[in-house]
Amino acid sequence: MSTVVSAKIPEKLKKKAAKYGIKIGRLVREALAEKIRTMENQMLSSQLDEISSKIGSKIRKGDVVNVVRSSRDER
């Protein structure tokens, strides 16, 4: 399912995007997805730091990161 998002941009900017073949919708989707991935990774890293400080050195951060990444790849 999709939803419509609109944004006002200067006409000059839209013309330049068209001139260079930039598909604004695609660019917005990709940029938004990347921003969300970055924020999720930051949140997970913070949570991991918090958990790590609670359990000490029993589990290495890199091991947990690898498990999370492999879990995401399975989806």
Protein backbone atom coordinates (compact mmCIF):
# COMPACT_ATOMS: atom_id res chain seq x y z
CA MET A 1 0.00 0.00 0.00
CA SER A 2 1.22 3.48 -0.77
CA THR A 3 0.35 6.97 0.32
CA VAL A 4 0.84 10.30 -1.40
CA VAL A 5 3.25 12.84 0.04
CA SER A 6 3.59 16.27 -1.49
CA ALA A 7 6.17 18.99 -1.09
CA LYS A 8 6.54 22.44 -2.57
CA ILE A 9 9.82 23.07 -4.32
CA PRO A 10 10.90 26.07 -6.35
CA GLU A 11 9.93 25.81 -10.03
CA LYS A 12 13.55 26.45 -10.99
CA LEU A 13 14.65 23.43 -8.98
CA LYS A 14 12.01 21.23 -10.61
CA LYS A 15 13.14 22.33 -14.06
CA LYS A 16 16.77 21.55 -13.23
CA ALA A 17 15.76 18.11 -11.95
CA ALA A 18 13.93 17.45 -15.21
CA LYS A 19 16.91 18.73 -17.22
CA TYR A 20 19.18 16.18 -15.55
CA GLY A 21 16.63 13.37 -15.67
CA ILE A 22 16.18 13.25 -11.92
CA LYS A 23 12.99 11.49 -10.91
CA ILE A 24 11.92 13.41 -7.84
CA GLY A 25 9.56 10.75 -6.49
CA ARG A 26 12.21 8.05 -6.73
CA LEU A 27 14.81 10.33 -5.14
CA VAL A 28 12.51 11.16 -2.23
CA ARG A 29 11.68 7.47 -1.64
CA GLU A 30 15.35 6.47 -1.70
CA ALA A 31 16.46 9.36 0.51
CA LEU A 32 13.67 8.67 3.01
CA ALA A 33 14.47 4.95 3.12
CA GLU A 34 18.17 5.71 3.68
CA LYS A 35 17.40 8.22 6.44
CA ILE A 36 15.17 5.69 8.19
CA ARG A 37 17.86 2.99 7.92
CA THR A 38 20.42 5.37 9.41
CA MET A 39 18.14 6.34 12.29
CA GLU A 40 17.21 2.71 12.99
CA ASN A 41 20.90 1.78 13.06
CA GLN A 42 21.62 4.63 15.47
CA MET A 43 18.75 3.55 17.70
CA LEU A 44 19.88 -0.07 17.66
CA SER A 45 23.43 0.97 18.43
CA SER A 46 22.26 3.02 21.41
CA GLN A 47 20.13 0.15 22.66
CA LEU A 48 23.02 -2.22 22.17
CA ASP A 49 25.34 0.05 24.15
CA GLU A 50 22.77 0.18 26.95
CA ILE A 51 22.34 -3.60 27.01
CA SER A 52 26.08 -4.13 26.76
CA SER A 53 26.71 -1.91 29.76
CA LYS A 54 24.18 -3.92 31.76
CA ILE A 55 25.58 -7.35 30.94
CA GLY A 56 29.23 -6.38 30.83
CA SER A 57 31.63 -8.06 28.46
CA LYS A 58 29.78 -11.38 28.11
CA ILE A 59 28.62 -10.59 24.55
CA ARG A 60 30.60 -8.60 22.02
CA LYS A 61 28.84 -5.74 20.23
CA GLY A 62 30.03 -6.98 16.83
CA ASP A 63 28.40 -10.37 17.40
CA VAL A 64 25.04 -8.79 18.13
CA VAL A 65 25.34 -6.47 15.11
CA ASN A 66 26.03 -9.49 12.88
CA VAL A 67 23.01 -11.34 14.26
CA VAL A 68 20.75 -8.33 13.67
CA ARG A 69 22.04 -7.87 10.11
CA SER A 70 21.62 -11.53 9.25
CA SER A 71 18.11 -11.45 10.68
CA ARG A 72 17.25 -8.47 8.48
CA ASP A 73 18.72 -10.18 5.42
CA GLU A 74 16.45 -13.19 5.99
CA ARG A 75 13.35 -11.01 5.62
